[in-house]
């Protein structure tokens, strides 16, 4: 399944990926699944840095897309995020997914977010429940 197929599975089912313009995903040099986000003014908080909700949505979308590309479906049971430094308009953010523990019905993942200068922006952990 391609990234385009993942984001168009159910027409009319929502479009957060369109709002965030999440359409570039790839396997990086280390073999990690990576979802890319170009930061625009619409994704900033009133202080002019990337909104924490934007970072969380990027991480959640990265894990969900990774799972869907494995031809599985899952929902988030639990998650946490840690913010390390701000990101700004014009930055490219890369969310790298690490599968920590694969279970039959529940799995855990980590996501690390870097900017295009290879600075760590945030990390998150997710517990996912497979729905089918």
Protein backbone atom coordinates (compact mmCIF):
# COMPACT_ATOMS: atom_id res chain seq x y z
CA UNK A 1 0.00 0.00 0.00
CA UNK A 2 1.32 3.46 -0.85
CA UNK A 3 1.15 6.60 1.25
CA UNK A 4 -1.47 7.97 -1.16
CA UNK A 5 -3.58 4.87 -0.68
CA UNK A 6 -3.28 5.14 3.11
CA UNK A 7 -4.49 8.75 3.16
CA UNK A 8 -7.35 8.04 0.76
CA UNK A 9 -8.74 4.83 2.28
CA UNK A 10 -12.14 6.27 3.09
CA UNK A 11 -13.12 9.32 1.05
CA UNK A 12 -14.78 11.92 3.26
CA UNK A 13 -13.49 10.30 6.47
CA UNK A 14 -11.61 13.39 7.50
CA UNK A 15 -8.68 15.33 6.33
CA UNK A 16 -6.23 16.19 9.11
CA UNK A 17 -3.49 14.81 6.87
CA UNK A 18 -4.56 17.35 4.23
CA UNK A 19 -4.57 20.21 6.73
CA UNK A 20 -1.07 19.23 7.84
CA UNK A 21 -0.09 18.40 4.24
CA UNK A 22 1.24 14.98 5.27
CA UNK A 23 1.91 13.43 1.89
CA UNK A 24 5.61 12.55 1.98
CA UNK A 25 6.63 9.37 3.72
CA UNK A 26 9.64 7.15 3.14
CA UNK A 27 12.01 4.61 4.63
CA UNK A 28 15.23 6.42 5.60
CA UNK A 29 18.84 5.23 5.32
CA UNK A 30 18.56 3.31 8.62
CA UNK A 31 15.39 1.57 7.45
CA UNK A 32 13.10 3.63 9.69
CA UNK A 33 9.68 4.76 8.51
CA UNK A 34 9.66 8.56 8.34
CA UNK A 35 6.78 11.00 7.85
CA UNK A 36 7.67 14.54 6.76
CA UNK A 37 5.93 17.82 7.61
CA UNK A 38 6.65 21.25 6.10
CA UNK A 39 5.85 23.86 8.75
CA UNK A 40 3.54 26.64 7.54
CA UNK A 41 2.13 29.68 9.36
CA UNK A 42 -1.17 27.83 9.92
CA UNK A 43 0.64 25.31 12.16
CA UNK A 44 2.11 27.85 14.59
CA UNK A 45 0.98 28.92 18.05
CA UNK A 46 0.60 32.62 19.00
CA UNK A 47 4.30 32.78 19.97
CA UNK A 48 5.34 31.88 16.41
CA UNK A 49 6.57 28.35 17.05
CA UNK A 50 5.02 25.05 16.00
CA UNK A 51 1.94 24.28 18.08
CA UNK A 52 2.34 21.26 20.38
CA UNK A 53 -0.84 19.80 18.92
CA UNK A 54 0.74 19.90 15.49
CA UNK A 55 3.72 17.91 16.77
CA UNK A 56 1.46 15.40 18.47
CA UNK A 57 -0.68 15.01 15.34
CA UNK A 58 2.49 14.43 13.29
CA UNK A 59 3.63 11.67 15.67
CA UNK A 60 0.20 10.03 15.87
CA UNK A 61 -0.14 10.16 12.08
CA UNK A 62 3.33 8.65 11.63
CA UNK A 63 2.51 5.64 13.82
CA UNK A 64 -0.93 5.20 12.26
CA UNK A 65 0.47 5.38 8.75
CA UNK A 66 3.26 2.93 9.59
CA UNK A 67 0.71 0.42 10.92
CA UNK A 68 -1.59 0.88 7.93
CA UNK A 69 1.31 0.33 5.54
CA UNK A 70 1.69 -3.07 7.28
CA UNK A 71 -1.92 -3.79 6.17
CA UNK A 72 -3.24 -3.54 9.73
CA UNK A 73 -5.64 -1.18 11.51
CA UNK A 74 -5.10 0.23 14.98
CA UNK A 75 -6.22 2.96 17.35
CA UNK A 76 -4.20 4.77 19.99
CA UNK A 77 -4.76 3.44 23.52
CA UNK A 78 -2.24 5.66 25.28
CA UNK A 79 0.45 8.17 24.38
CA UNK A 80 2.86 10.71 25.81
CA UNK A 81 4.96 13.38 24.18
CA UNK A 82 8.03 15.32 25.29
CA UNK A 83 8.92 18.68 23.74
CA UNK A 84 12.63 19.54 23.59
CA UNK A 85 13.00 22.66 21.45
CA UNK A 86 10.82 24.84 19.24
CA UNK A 87 10.33 24.47 15.51
CA UNK A 88 9.53 27.39 13.22
CA UNK A 89 7.75 28.32 10.03
CA UNK A 90 9.73 27.00 7.07
CA UNK A 91 11.26 24.08 8.99
CA UNK A 92 10.95 20.55 7.65
CA UNK A 93 10.10 18.11 10.44
CA UNK A 94 10.83 14.39 10.19
CA UNK A 95 8.95 11.94 12.42
CA UNK A 96 10.80 8.61 12.65
CA UNK A 97 8.87 5.56 13.89
CA UNK A 98 10.44 2.81 16.02
CA UNK A 99 8.42 -0.33 16.69
CA UNK A 100 9.36 -1.25 20.28
CA UNK A 101 7.18 -4.27 20.98
CA UNK A 102 4.97 -6.08 18.50
CA UNK A 103 2.06 -7.90 20.05
CA UNK A 104 -0.90 -9.79 18.66
CA UNK A 105 -3.43 -7.14 19.73
CA UNK A 106 -1.33 -4.40 21.36
CA UNK A 107 2.00 -2.92 20.26
CA UNK A 108 4.19 -0.07 21.47
CA UNK A 109 6.01 2.50 19.36
CA UNK A 110 8.35 5.43 19.81
CA UNK A 111 8.51 8.43 17.49
CA UNK A 112 11.39 10.88 17.32
CA UNK A 113 10.90 14.24 15.62
CA UNK A 114 13.87 16.10 14.13
CA UNK A 115 14.12 19.29 12.12
CA UNK A 116 16.01 19.60 8.85
CA UNK A 117 19.11 20.65 10.84
CA UNK A 118 19.04 17.26 12.63
CA UNK A 119 18.04 18.87 15.96
CA UNK A 120 15.74 16.84 18.20
CA UNK A 121 12.38 18.63 18.52
CA UNK A 122 10.24 16.08 20.38
CA UNK A 123 9.68 12.42 21.06
CA UNK A 124 6.55 10.44 21.82
CA UNK A 125 5.50 6.95 22.83
CA UNK A 126 2.33 5.19 21.72
CA UNK A 127 0.45 2.08 22.78
CA UNK A 128 -1.66 0.91 19.87
CA UNK A 129 -4.57 -1.56 19.79
CA UNK A 130 -5.12 -3.54 16.58
CA UNK A 131 -8.76 -3.39 15.54
CA UNK A 132 -8.69 -6.09 12.85
